[in-house]
Amino acid sequence: MKHRQLRVNELVKRELSAIIVREINFQGALVSINAVDVAPDLKSANVFVSTLGADNGKSVIDKLEAHRPALQAALSRHVVLKYTPHLIFHLDESIKRGARVLEILDDLGKRDGQDE
């Protein structure tokens, strides 16, 4: 990936995170943007979101989708690009999967200690 595209991804991620914190209340859930992948033509952006404390990640994605036009408008005011990308939100389960793998490895380590 080109250096410019990496900078655009990081800029959109940082600004969108700040906008979401200011604009949307998730009732006690912690929502963070893990990554943003802006298309090379700058017309769309895949936004990978993780949640902590939310009962259902789908409800967080639905809320973000409902606020998408306002988020895109705010993003266009904060970030000057040729096009304001169309935001596409995805639930990123990588943190939960990683925690589960660590839990399994920990359990395996405890079993190995008992066998000796």
PDB file of N, CA and C in Angstrom:
ATOM      1  N   MET A   1       0.849  -1.179   0.000  1.00  0.00           N
ATOM      2  CA  MET A   1       0.000   0.000   0.000  1.00  0.00           C
ATOM      3  C   MET A   1       0.893   1.240   0.000  1.00  0.00           C
ATOM      4  N   LYS A   2       0.481   2.227  -0.729  1.00  0.00           N
ATOM      5  CA  LYS A   2       1.286   3.429  -0.845  1.00  0.00           C
ATOM      6  C   LYS A   2       1.254   4.240   0.456  1.00  0.00           C
ATOM      7  N   HIS A   3       2.318   4.987   0.645  1.00  0.00           N
ATOM      8  CA  HIS A   3       2.459   5.793   1.861  1.00  0.00           C
ATOM      9  C   HIS A   3       1.318   6.805   2.005  1.00  0.00           C
ATOM     10  N   ARG A   4       0.919   7.419   0.906  1.00  0.00           N
ATOM     11  CA  ARG A   4      -0.164   8.411   0.949  1.00  0.00           C
ATOM     12  C   ARG A   4      -1.468   7.769   1.403  1.00  0.00           C
ATOM     13  N   GLN A   5      -1.757   6.591   0.894  1.00  0.00           N
ATOM     14  CA  GLN A   5      -2.995   5.908   1.275  1.00  0.00           C
ATOM     15  C   GLN A   5      -2.977   5.517   2.756  1.00  0.00           C
ATOM     16  N   LEU A   6      -1.824   5.109   3.262  1.00  0.00           N
ATOM     17  CA  LEU A   6      -1.710   4.804   4.693  1.00  0.00           C
ATOM     18  C   LEU A   6      -1.978   6.048   5.535  1.00  0.00           C
ATOM     19  N   ARG A   7      -1.462   7.196   5.098  1.00  0.00           N
ATOM     20  CA  ARG A   7      -1.705   8.450   5.820  1.00  0.00           C
ATOM     21  C   ARG A   7      -3.180   8.835   5.788  1.00  0.00           C
ATOM     22  N   VAL A   8      -3.830   8.650   4.653  1.00  0.00           N
ATOM     23  CA  VAL A   8      -5.265   8.952   4.533  1.00  0.00           C
ATOM     24  C   VAL A   8      -6.068   8.024   5.449  1.00  0.00           C
ATOM     25  N   ASN A   9      -5.731   6.735   5.455  1.00  0.00           N
ATOM     26  CA  ASN A   9      -6.413   5.779   6.336  1.00  0.00           C
ATOM     27  C   ASN A   9      -6.308   6.214   7.793  1.00  0.00           C
ATOM     28  N   GLU A  10      -5.115   6.563   8.209  1.00  0.00           N
ATOM     29  CA  GLU A  10      -4.895   6.959   9.606  1.00  0.00           C
ATOM     30  C   GLU A  10      -5.606   8.267   9.933  1.00  0.00           C
ATOM     31  N   LEU A  11      -5.575   9.215   9.023  1.00  0.00           N
ATOM     32  CA  LEU A  11      -6.253  10.498   9.232  1.00  0.00           C
ATOM     33  C   LEU A  11      -7.760  10.312   9.365  1.00  0.00           C
ATOM     34  N   VAL A  12      -8.355   9.532   8.483  1.00  0.00           N
ATOM     35  CA  VAL A  12      -9.799   9.287   8.543  1.00  0.00           C
ATOM     36  C   VAL A  12     -10.142   8.547   9.836  1.00  0.00           C
ATOM     37  N   LYS A  13      -9.330   7.576  10.216  1.00  0.00           N
ATOM     38  CA  LYS A  13      -9.560   6.821  11.452  1.00  0.00           C
ATOM     39  C   LYS A  13      -9.548   7.751  12.662  1.00  0.00           C
ATOM     40  N   ARG A  14      -8.541   8.611  12.754  1.00  0.00           N
ATOM     41  CA  ARG A  14      -8.404   9.515  13.904  1.00  0.00           C
ATOM     42  C   ARG A  14      -9.566  10.507  13.965  1.00  0.00           C
ATOM     43  N   GLU A  15      -9.895  11.131  12.845  1.00  0.00           N
ATOM     44  CA  GLU A  15     -10.966  12.126  12.837  1.00  0.00           C
ATOM     45  C   GLU A  15     -12.331  11.490  13.070  1.00  0.00           C
ATOM     46  N   LEU A  16     -12.576  10.342  12.446  1.00  0.00           N
ATOM     47  CA  LEU A  16     -13.860   9.669  12.623  1.00  0.00           C
ATOM     48  C   LEU A  16     -14.041   9.201  14.062  1.00  0.00           C
ATOM     49  N   SER A  17     -12.975   8.741  14.692  1.00  0.00           N
ATOM     50  CA  SER A  17     -13.049   8.343  16.107  1.00  0.00           C
ATOM     51  C   SER A  17     -13.468   9.521  16.974  1.00  0.00           C
ATOM     52  N   ALA A  18     -12.855  10.664  16.740  1.00  0.00           N
ATOM     53  CA  ALA A  18     -13.195  11.857  17.521  1.00  0.00           C
ATOM     54  C   ALA A  18     -14.640  12.291  17.275  1.00  0.00           C
ATOM     55  N   ILE A  19     -15.083  12.211  16.046  1.00  0.00           N
ATOM     56  CA  ILE A  19     -16.461  12.609  15.708  1.00  0.00           C
ATOM     57  C   ILE A  19     -17.456  11.677  16.388  1.00  0.00           C
ATOM     58  N   ILE A  20     -17.186  10.380  16.365  1.00  0.00           N
ATOM     59  CA  ILE A  20     -18.098   9.412  16.977  1.00  0.00           C
ATOM     60  C   ILE A  20     -18.189   9.639  18.484  1.00  0.00           C
ATOM     61  N   VAL A  21     -17.068   9.918  19.123  1.00  0.00           N
ATOM     62  CA  VAL A  21     -17.077  10.178  20.567  1.00  0.00           C
ATOM     63  C   VAL A  21     -17.948  11.393  20.896  1.00  0.00           C
ATOM     64  N   ARG A  22     -17.851  12.435  20.063  1.00  0.00           N
ATOM     65  CA  ARG A  22     -18.622  13.656  20.303  1.00  0.00           C
ATOM     66  C   ARG A  22     -20.103  13.507  19.963  1.00  0.00           C
ATOM     67  N   GLU A  23     -20.411  12.789  18.902  1.00  0.00           N
ATOM     68  CA  GLU A  23     -21.759  12.808  18.337  1.00  0.00           C
ATOM     69  C   GLU A  23     -22.694  11.712  18.838  1.00  0.00           C
ATOM     70  N   ILE A  24     -22.162  10.533  19.162  1.00  0.00           N
ATOM     71  CA  ILE A  24     -23.030   9.376  19.424  1.00  0.00           C
ATOM     72  C   ILE A  24     -22.792   8.839  20.833  1.00  0.00           C
ATOM     73  N   ASN A  25     -23.898   8.565  21.532  1.00  0.00           N
ATOM     74  CA  ASN A  25     -23.846   7.964  22.861  1.00  0.00           C
ATOM     75  C   ASN A  25     -24.267   6.502  22.736  1.00  0.00           C
ATOM     76  N   PHE A  26     -23.434   5.597  23.194  1.00  0.00           N
ATOM     77  CA  PHE A  26     -23.722   4.171  23.084  1.00  0.00           C
ATOM     78  C   PHE A  26     -24.152   3.553  24.424  1.00  0.00           C
ATOM     79  N   GLN A  27     -24.650   4.328  25.361  1.00  0.00           N
ATOM     80  CA  GLN A  27     -25.165   3.859  26.649  1.00  0.00           C
ATOM     81  C   GLN A  27     -24.226   2.878  27.349  1.00  0.00           C
ATOM     82  N   GLY A  28     -23.042   3.337  27.696  1.00  0.00           N
ATOM     83  CA  GLY A  28     -22.118   2.539  28.491  1.00  0.00           C
ATOM     84  C   GLY A  28     -21.213   1.615  27.708  1.00  0.00           C
ATOM     85  N   ALA A  29     -21.453   1.436  26.438  1.00  0.00           N
ATOM     86  CA  ALA A  29     -20.584   0.574  25.630  1.00  0.00           C
ATOM     87  C   ALA A  29     -19.395   1.387  25.144  1.00  0.00           C
ATOM     88  N   LEU A  30     -18.261   0.742  25.098  1.00  0.00           N
ATOM     89  CA  LEU A  30     -17.057   1.370  24.564  1.00  0.00           C
ATOM     90  C   LEU A  30     -16.911   0.938  23.111  1.00  0.00           C
ATOM     91  N   VAL A  31     -16.906   1.907  22.219  1.00  0.00           N
ATOM     92  CA  VAL A  31     -16.806   1.632  20.789  1.00  0.00           C
ATOM     93  C   VAL A  31     -15.518   2.251  20.282  1.00  0.00           C
ATOM     94  N   SER A  32     -14.719   1.452  19.588  1.00  0.00           N
ATOM     95  CA  SER A  32     -13.474   1.988  19.042  1.00  0.00           C
ATOM     96  C   SER A  32     -13.314   1.560  17.592  1.00  0.00           C
ATOM     97  N   ILE A  33     -12.641   2.400  16.845  1.00  0.00           N
ATOM     98  CA  ILE A  33     -12.359   2.092  15.453  1.00  0.00           C
ATOM     99  C   ILE A  33     -10.980   1.467  15.401  1.00  0.00           C
ATOM    100  N   ASN A  34     -10.930   0.219  14.958  1.00  0.00           N
ATOM    101  CA  ASN A  34      -9.652  -0.501  14.887  1.00  0.00           C
ATOM    102  C   ASN A  34      -8.874  -0.145  13.635  1.00  0.00           C
ATOM    103  N   ALA A  35      -9.586  -0.008  12.520  1.00  0.00           N
ATOM    104  CA  ALA A  35      -8.906   0.272  11.256  1.00  0.00           C
ATOM    105  C   ALA A  35      -9.876   0.906  10.279  1.00  0.00           C
ATOM    106  N   VAL A  36      -9.310   1.657   9.364  1.00  0.00           N
ATOM    107  CA  VAL A  36     -10.069   2.236   8.258  1.00  0.00           C
ATOM    108  C   VAL A  36      -9.299   1.933   6.992  1.00  0.00           C
ATOM    109  N   ASP A  37     -10.014   1.432   5.995  1.00  0.00           N
ATOM    110  CA  ASP A  37      -9.401   1.122   4.712  1.00  0.00           C
ATOM    111  C   ASP A  37     -10.114   1.936   3.640  1.00  0.00           C
ATOM    112  N   VAL A  38      -9.503   3.055   3.260  1.00  0.00           N
ATOM    113  CA  VAL A  38     -10.074   3.933   2.236  1.00  0.00           C
ATOM    114  C   VAL A  38      -9.662   3.410   0.868  1.00  0.00           C
ATOM    115  N   ALA A  39     -10.624   3.339  -0.043  1.00  0.00           N
ATOM    116  CA  ALA A  39     -10.344   2.876  -1.406  1.00  0.00           C
ATOM    117  C   ALA A  39      -9.382   3.842  -2.088  1.00  0.00           C
ATOM    118  N   PRO A  40      -8.579   3.353  -3.017  1.00  0.00           N
ATOM    119  CA  PRO A  40      -7.619   4.234  -3.705  1.00  0.00           C
ATOM    120  C   PRO A  40      -8.264   5.427  -4.413  1.00  0.00           C
ATOM    121  N   ASP A  41      -9.527   5.273  -4.865  1.00  0.00           N
ATOM    122  CA  ASP A  41     -10.211   6.391  -5.522  1.00  0.00           C
ATOM    123  C   ASP A  41     -10.886   7.338  -4.521  1.00  0.00           C
ATOM    124  N   LEU A  42     -10.757   7.041  -3.216  1.00  0.00           N
ATOM    125  CA  LEU A  42     -11.282   7.857  -2.113  1.00  0.00           C
ATOM    126  C   LEU A  42     -12.808   7.920  -2.064  1.00  0.00           C
ATOM    127  N   LYS A  43     -13.494   7.052  -2.776  1.00  0.00           N
ATOM    128  CA  LYS A  43     -14.952   7.124  -2.820  1.00  0.00           C
ATOM    129  C   LYS A  43     -15.638   6.282  -1.758  1.00  0.00           C
ATOM    130  N   SER A  44     -14.932   5.322  -1.159  1.00  0.00           N
ATOM    131  CA  SER A  44     -15.527   4.514  -0.100  1.00  0.00           C
ATOM    132  C   SER A  44     -14.458   4.182   0.941  1.00  0.00           C
ATOM    133  N   ALA A  45     -14.941   3.872   2.140  1.00  0.00           N
ATOM    134  CA  ALA A  45     -14.031   3.511   3.224  1.00  0.00           C
ATOM    135  C   ALA A  45     -14.676   2.426   4.070  1.00  0.00           C
ATOM    136  N   ASN A  46     -13.969   1.332   4.261  1.00  0.00           N
ATOM    137  CA  ASN A  46     -14.411   0.281   5.163  1.00  0.00           C
ATOM    138  C   ASN A  46     -13.906   0.634   6.557  1.00  0.00           C
ATOM    139  N   VAL A  47     -14.828   0.716   7.513  1.00  0.00           N
ATOM    140  CA  VAL A  47     -14.494   1.093   8.882  1.00  0.00           C
ATOM    141  C   VAL A  47     -14.718  -0.120   9.766  1.00  0.00           C
ATOM    142  N   PHE A  48     -13.654  -0.593  10.409  1.00  0.00           N
ATOM    143  CA  PHE A  48     -13.727  -1.774  11.260  1.00  0.00           C
ATOM    144  C   PHE A  48     -13.838  -1.333  12.712  1.00  0.00           C
ATOM    145  N   VAL A  49     -14.953  -1.710  13.347  1.00  0.00           N
ATOM    146  CA  VAL A  49     -15.325  -1.222  14.663  1.00  0.00           C
ATOM    147  C   VAL A  49     -15.361  -2.384  15.651  1.00  0.00           C
ATOM    148  N   SER A  50     -14.812  -2.168  16.842  1.00  0.00           N
ATOM    149  CA  SER A  50     -14.930  -3.168  17.900  1.00  0.00           C
ATOM    150  C   SER A  50     -15.694  -2.556  19.066  1.00  0.00           C
ATOM    151  N   THR A  51     -16.357  -3.419  19.819  1.00  0.00           N
ATOM    152  CA  THR A  51     -17.167  -2.954  20.945  1.00  0.00           C
ATOM    153  C   THR A  51     -16.758  -3.691  22.206  1.00  0.00           C
ATOM    154  N   LEU A  52     -16.907  -3.017  23.309  1.00  0.00           N
ATOM    155  CA  LEU A  52     -16.658  -3.607  24.616  1.00  0.00           C
ATOM    156  C   LEU A  52     -17.778  -3.144  25.525  1.00  0.00           C
ATOM    157  N   GLY A  53     -18.459  -4.072  26.137  1.00  0.00           N
ATOM    158  CA  GLY A  53     -19.552  -3.716  27.029  1.00  0.00           C
ATOM    159  C   GLY A  53     -20.896  -3.642  26.333  1.00  0.00           C
ATOM    160  N   ALA A  54     -20.925  -3.830  25.036  1.00  0.00           N
ATOM    161  CA  ALA A  54     -22.203  -3.832  24.311  1.00  0.00           C
ATOM    162  C   ALA A  54     -22.727  -5.263  24.277  1.00  0.00           C
ATOM    163  N   ASP A  55     -24.018  -5.408  24.536  1.00  0.00           N
ATOM    164  CA  ASP A  55     -24.619  -6.737  24.499  1.00  0.00           C
ATOM    165  C   ASP A  55     -24.600  -7.303  23.083  1.00  0.00           C
ATOM    166  N   ASN A  56     -24.808  -6.416  22.124  1.00  0.00           N
ATOM    167  CA  ASN A  56     -24.919  -6.863  20.744  1.00  0.00           C
ATOM    168  C   ASN A  56     -24.160  -5.899  19.843  1.00  0.00           C
ATOM    169  N   GLY A  57     -23.126  -6.389  19.194  1.00  0.00           N
ATOM    170  CA  GLY A  57     -22.355  -5.551  18.278  1.00  0.00           C
ATOM    171  C   GLY A  57     -23.177  -5.096  17.091  1.00  0.00           C
ATOM    172  N   LYS A  58     -24.171  -5.898  16.734  1.00  0.00           N
ATOM    173  CA  LYS A  58     -25.045  -5.541  15.601  1.00  0.00           C
ATOM    174  C   LYS A  58     -25.800  -4.253  15.882  1.00  0.00           C
ATOM    175  N   SER A  59     -26.209  -4.039  17.125  1.00  0.00           N
ATOM    176  CA  SER A  59     -26.928  -2.804  17.461  1.00  0.00           C
ATOM    177  C   SER A  59     -26.025  -1.586  17.318  1.00  0.00           C
ATOM    178  N   VAL A  60     -24.739  -1.744  17.633  1.00  0.00           N
ATOM    179  CA  VAL A  60     -23.776  -0.651  17.473  1.00  0.00           C
ATOM    180  C   VAL A  60     -23.606  -0.323  15.988  1.00  0.00           C
ATOM    181  N   ILE A  61     -23.474  -1.351  15.159  1.00  0.00           N
ATOM    182  CA  ILE A  61     -23.335  -1.142  13.717  1.00  0.00           C
ATOM    183  C   ILE A  61     -24.587  -0.476  13.160  1.00  0.00           C
ATOM    184  N   ASP A  62     -25.766  -0.917  13.621  1.00  0.00           N
ATOM    185  CA  ASP A  62     -27.019  -0.312  13.163  1.00  0.00           C
ATOM    186  C   ASP A  62     -27.083   1.166  13.532  1.00  0.00           C
ATOM    187  N   LYS A  63     -26.626   1.492  14.730  1.00  0.00           N
ATOM    188  CA  LYS A  63     -26.637   2.890  15.172  1.00  0.00           C
ATOM    189  C   LYS A  63     -25.658   3.725  14.343  1.00  0.00           C
ATOM    190  N   LEU A  64     -24.494   3.175  14.057  1.00  0.00           N
ATOM    191  CA  LEU A  64     -23.526   3.880  13.217  1.00  0.00           C
ATOM    192  C   LEU A  64     -24.082   4.074  11.808  1.00  0.00           C
ATOM    193  N   GLU A  65     -24.737   3.056  11.273  1.00  0.00           N
ATOM    194  CA  GLU A  65     -25.345   3.174   9.939  1.00  0.00           C
ATOM    195  C   GLU A  65     -26.427   4.252   9.929  1.00  0.00           C
ATOM    196  N   ALA A  66     -27.204   4.334  11.001  1.00  0.00           N
ATOM    197  CA  ALA A  66     -28.253   5.356  11.077  1.00  0.00           C
ATOM    198  C   ALA A  66     -27.658   6.765  11.093  1.00  0.00           C
ATOM    199  N   HIS A  67     -26.473   6.916  11.699  1.00  0.00           N
ATOM    200  CA  HIS A  67     -25.815   8.221  11.795  1.00  0.00           C
ATOM    201  C   HIS A  67     -24.813   8.467  10.666  1.00  0.00           C
ATOM    202  N   ARG A  68     -24.712   7.535   9.708  1.00  0.00           N
ATOM    203  CA  ARG A  68     -23.715   7.634   8.646  1.00  0.00           C
ATOM    204  C   ARG A  68     -23.743   8.957   7.884  1.00  0.00           C
ATOM    205  N   PRO A  69     -24.905   9.458   7.454  1.00  0.00           N
ATOM    206  CA  PRO A  69     -24.881  10.744   6.723  1.00  0.00           C
ATOM    207  C   PRO A  69     -24.297  11.896   7.550  1.00  0.00           C
ATOM    208  N   ALA A  70     -24.647  11.947   8.827  1.00  0.00           N
ATOM    209  CA  ALA A  70     -24.114  13.003   9.695  1.00  0.00           C
ATOM    210  C   ALA A  70     -22.617  12.813   9.926  1.00  0.00           C
ATOM    211  N   LEU A  71     -22.183  11.559  10.066  1.00  0.00           N
ATOM    212  CA  LEU A  71     -20.756  11.288  10.258  1.00  0.00           C
ATOM    213  C   LEU A  71     -19.958  11.672   9.018  1.00  0.00           C
ATOM    214  N   GLN A  72     -20.492  11.362   7.843  1.00  0.00           N
ATOM    215  CA  GLN A  72     -19.808  11.725   6.607  1.00  0.00           C
ATOM    216  C   GLN A  72     -19.740  13.238   6.434  1.00  0.00           C
ATOM    217  N   ALA A  73     -20.825  13.940   6.804  1.00  0.00           N
ATOM    218  CA  ALA A  73     -20.836  15.402   6.700  1.00  0.00           C
ATOM    219  C   ALA A  73     -19.805  16.011   7.640  1.00  0.00           C
ATOM    220  N   ALA A  74     -19.752  15.502   8.879  1.00  0.00           N
ATOM    221  CA  ALA A  74     -18.767  16.014   9.840  1.00  0.00           C
ATOM    222  C   ALA A  74     -17.353  15.693   9.374  1.00  0.00           C
ATOM    223  N   LEU A  75     -17.165  14.516   8.811  1.00  0.00           N
ATOM    224  CA  LEU A  75     -15.847  14.126   8.305  1.00  0.00           C
ATOM    225  C   LEU A  75     -15.411  15.046   7.167  1.00  0.00           C
ATOM    226  N   SER A  76     -16.350  15.427   6.317  1.00  0.00           N
ATOM    227  CA  SER A  76     -16.000  16.310   5.197  1.00  0.00           C
ATOM    228  C   SER A  76     -15.589  17.698   5.678  1.00  0.00           C
ATOM    229  N   ARG A  77     -16.103  18.123   6.834  1.00  0.00           N
ATOM    230  CA  ARG A  77     -15.703  19.417   7.395  1.00  0.00           C
ATOM    231  C   ARG A  77     -14.318  19.356   8.041  1.00  0.00           C
ATOM    232  N   HIS A  78     -13.924  18.196   8.538  1.00  0.00           N
ATOM    233  CA  HIS A  78     -12.660  18.054   9.267  1.00  0.00           C
ATOM    234  C   HIS A  78     -11.501  17.583   8.401  1.00  0.00           C
ATOM    235  N   VAL A  79     -11.806  16.832   7.345  1.00  0.00           N
ATOM    236  CA  VAL A  79     -10.765  16.267   6.492  1.00  0.00           C
ATOM    237  C   VAL A  79     -11.027  16.717   5.057  1.00  0.00           C
ATOM    238  N   VAL A  80     -10.060  17.384   4.475  1.00  0.00           N
ATOM    239  CA  VAL A  80     -10.212  17.869   3.105  1.00  0.00           C
ATOM    240  C   VAL A  80      -9.628  16.829   2.149  1.00  0.00           C
ATOM    241  N   LEU A  81     -10.536  16.180   1.421  1.00  0.00           N
ATOM    242  CA  LEU A  81     -10.158  15.200   0.411  1.00  0.00           C
ATOM    243  C   LEU A  81     -10.921  15.526  -0.868  1.00  0.00           C
ATOM    244  N   LYS A  82     -10.469  14.952  -1.966  1.00  0.00           N
ATOM    245  CA  LYS A  82     -11.163  15.182  -3.235  1.00  0.00           C
ATOM    246  C   LYS A  82     -12.617  14.729  -3.131  1.00  0.00           C
ATOM    247  N   TYR A  83     -12.840  13.570  -2.523  1.00  0.00           N
ATOM    248  CA  TYR A  83     -14.175  13.041  -2.255  1.00  0.00           C
ATOM    249  C   TYR A  83     -14.271  12.709  -0.778  1.00  0.00           C
ATOM    250  N   THR A  84     -15.470  12.847  -0.225  1.00  0.00           N
ATOM    251  CA  THR A  84     -15.700  12.340   1.120  1.00  0.00           C
ATOM    252  C   THR A  84     -16.116  10.886   0.953  1.00  0.00           C
ATOM    253  N   PRO A  85     -15.385   9.961   1.550  1.00  0.00           N
ATOM    254  CA  PRO A  85     -15.689   8.554   1.307  1.00  0.00           C
ATOM    255  C   PRO A  85     -17.031   8.129   1.904  1.00  0.00           C
ATOM    256  N   HIS A  86     -17.699   7.225   1.198  1.00  0.00           N
ATOM    257  CA  HIS A  86     -18.916   6.588   1.695  1.00  0.00           C
ATOM    258  C   HIS A  86     -18.473   5.582   2.754  1.00  0.00           C
ATOM    259  N   LEU A  87     -18.961   5.725   3.975  1.00  0.00           N
ATOM    260  CA  LEU A  87     -18.520   4.893   5.088  1.00  0.00           C
ATOM    261  C   LEU A  87     -19.302   3.585   5.122  1.00  0.00           C
ATOM    262  N   ILE A  88     -18.570   2.489   5.213  1.00  0.00           N
ATOM    263  CA  ILE A  88     -19.166   1.162   5.316  1.00  0.00           C
ATOM    264  C   ILE A  88     -18.647   0.547   6.614  1.00  0.00           C
ATOM    265  N   PHE A  89     -19.539   0.309   7.570  1.00  0.00           N
ATOM    266  CA  PHE A  89     -19.137  -0.159   8.895  1.00  0.00           C
ATOM    267  C   PHE A  89     -19.167  -1.683   8.962  1.00  0.00           C
ATOM    268  N   HIS A  90     -18.120  -2.240   9.583  1.00  0.00           N
ATOM    269  CA  HIS A  90     -18.004  -3.685   9.788  1.00  0.00           C
ATOM    270  C   HIS A  90     -17.662  -3.929  11.252  1.00  0.00           C
ATOM    271  N   LEU A  91     -18.263  -4.968  11.827  1.00  0.00           N
ATOM    272  CA  LEU A  91     -17.939  -5.349  13.194  1.00  0.00           C
ATOM    273  C   LEU A  91     -16.647  -6.153  13.181  1.00  0.00           C
ATOM    274  N   ASP A  92     -15.661  -5.715  13.946  1.00  0.00           N
ATOM    275  CA  ASP A  92     -14.356  -6.368  14.008  1.00  0.00           C
ATOM    276  C   ASP A  92     -14.290  -7.205  15.281  1.00  0.00           C
ATOM    277  N   GLU A  93     -14.322  -8.506  15.115  1.00  0.00           N
ATOM    278  CA  GLU A  93     -14.314  -9.434  16.249  1.00  0.00           C
ATOM    279  C   GLU A  93     -12.903  -9.900  16.614  1.00  0.00           C
ATOM    280  N   SER A  94     -11.876  -9.306  16.033  1.00  0.00           N
ATOM    281  CA  SER A  94     -10.514  -9.808  16.223  1.00  0.00           C
ATOM    282  C   SER A  94     -10.066  -9.733  17.684  1.00  0.00           C
ATOM    283  N   ILE A  95     -10.484  -8.716  18.419  1.00  0.00           N
ATOM    284  CA  ILE A  95     -10.080  -8.597  19.822  1.00  0.00           C
ATOM    285  C   ILE A  95     -10.705  -9.719  20.651  1.00  0.00           C
ATOM    286  N   LYS A  96     -11.987  -9.990  20.413  1.00  0.00           N
ATOM    287  CA  LYS A  96     -12.657 -11.076  21.146  1.00  0.00           C
ATOM    288  C   LYS A  96     -12.045 -12.428  20.794  1.00  0.00           C
ATOM    289  N   ARG A  97     -11.742 -12.618  19.497  1.00  0.00           N
ATOM    290  CA  ARG A  97     -11.118 -13.883  19.089  1.00  0.00           C
ATOM    291  C   ARG A  97      -9.738 -14.026  19.716  1.00  0.00           C
ATOM    292  N   GLY A  98      -8.976 -12.949  19.763  1.00  0.00           N
ATOM    293  CA  GLY A  98      -7.648 -12.990  20.371  1.00  0.00           C
ATOM    294  C   GLY A  98      -7.724 -13.298  21.859  1.00  0.00           C
ATOM    295  N   ALA A  99      -8.694 -12.696  22.548  1.00  0.00           N
ATOM    296  CA  ALA A  99      -8.867 -12.971  23.978  1.00  0.00           C
ATOM    297  C   ALA A  99      -9.247 -14.430  24.199  1.00  0.00           C
ATOM    298  N   ARG A 100     -10.069 -14.968  23.327  1.00  0.00           N
ATOM    299  CA  ARG A 100     -10.473 -16.377  23.441  1.00  0.00           C
ATOM    300  C   ARG A 100      -9.273 -17.293  23.219  1.00  0.00           C
ATOM    301  N   VAL A 101      -8.426 -16.998  22.249  1.00  0.00           N
ATOM    302  CA  VAL A 101      -7.225 -17.806  21.993  1.00  0.00           C
ATOM    303  C   VAL A 101      -6.303 -17.767  23.211  1.00  0.00           C
ATOM    304  N   LEU A 102      -6.123 -16.586  23.797  1.00  0.00           N
ATOM    305  CA  LEU A 102      -5.281 -16.478  24.993  1.00  0.00           C
ATOM    306  C   LEU A 102      -5.861 -17.275  26.155  1.00  0.00           C
ATOM    307  N   GLU A 103      -7.184 -17.263  26.282  1.00  0.00           N
ATOM    308  CA  GLU A 103      -7.852 -18.032  27.336  1.00  0.00           C
ATOM    309  C   GLU A 103      -7.627 -19.527  27.135  1.00  0.00           C
ATOM    310  N   ILE A 104      -7.730 -19.998  25.909  1.00  0.00           N
ATOM    311  CA  ILE A 104      -7.501 -21.417  25.603  1.00  0.00           C
ATOM    312  C   ILE A 104      -6.052 -21.797  25.887  1.00  0.00           C
ATOM    313  N   LEU A 105      -5.119 -20.946  25.480  1.00  0.00           N
ATOM    314  CA  LEU A 105      -3.701 -21.228  25.743  1.00  0.00           C
ATOM    315  C   LEU A 105      -3.412 -21.261  27.237  1.00  0.00           C
ATOM    316  N   ASP A 106      -4.053 -20.379  27.983  1.00  0.00           N
ATOM    317  CA  ASP A 106      -3.881 -20.356  29.433  1.00  0.00           C
ATOM    318  C   ASP A 106      -4.415 -21.647  30.056  1.00  0.00           C
ATOM    319  N   ASP A 107      -5.586 -22.101  29.585  1.00  0.00           N
ATOM    320  CA  ASP A 107      -6.148 -23.354  30.077  1.00  0.00           C
ATOM    321  C   ASP A 107      -5.231 -24.537  29.768  1.00  0.00           C
ATOM    322  N   LEU A 108      -4.663 -24.546  28.559  1.00  0.00           N
ATOM    323  CA  LEU A 108      -3.739 -25.623  28.182  1.00  0.00           C
ATOM    324  C   LEU A 108      -2.489 -25.591  29.079  1.00  0.00           C
ATOM    325  N   GLY A 109      -1.997 -24.413  29.395  1.00  0.00           N
ATOM    326  CA  GLY A 109      -0.836 -24.281  30.270  1.00  0.00           C
ATOM    327  C   GLY A 109      -1.125 -24.788  31.666  1.00  0.00           C
ATOM    328  N   LYS A 110      -2.329 -24.550  32.167  1.00  0.00           N
ATOM    329  CA  LYS A 110      -2.710 -25.035  33.491  1.00  0.00           C
ATOM    330  C   LYS A 110      -2.813 -26.567  33.506  1.00  0.00           C
ATOM    331  N   ARG A 111      -3.337 -27.149  32.427  1.00  0.00           N
ATOM    332  CA  ARG A 111      -3.452 -28.607  32.337  1.00  0.00           C
ATOM    333  C   ARG A 111      -2.084 -29.255  32.289  1.00  0.00           C
ATOM    334  N   ASP A 112      -1.157 -28.675  31.529  1.00  0.00           N
ATOM    335  CA  ASP A 112       0.190 -29.228  31.443  1.00  0.00           C
ATOM    336  C   ASP A 112       0.868 -29.212  32.806  1.00  0.00           C
ATOM    337  N   GLY A 113       0.615 -28.200  33.596  1.00  0.00           N
ATOM    338  CA  GLY A 113       1.189 -28.111  34.934  1.00  0.00           C
ATOM    339  C   GLY A 113       0.633 -29.146  35.876  1.00  0.00           C
ATOM    340  N   GLN A 114      -0.634 -29.561  35.671  1.00  0.00           N
ATOM    341  CA  GLN A 114      -1.266 -30.566  36.524  1.00  0.00           C
ATOM    342  C   GLN A 114      -0.795 -31.979  36.190  1.00  0.00           C
ATOM    343  N   ASP A 115      -0.427 -32.213  34.925  1.00  0.00           N
ATOM    344  CA  ASP A 115      -0.017 -33.552  34.497  1.00  0.00           C
ATOM    345  C   ASP A 115       1.326 -33.955  35.075  1.00  0.00           C
ATOM    346  N   GLU A 116       2.165 -33.005  35.391  1.00  0.00           N
ATOM    347  CA  GLU A 116       3.526 -33.324  35.850  1.00  0.00           C
ATOM    348  C   GLU A 116       3.580 -33.718  37.284  1.00  0.00           C
TER     349      GLU A 116
END
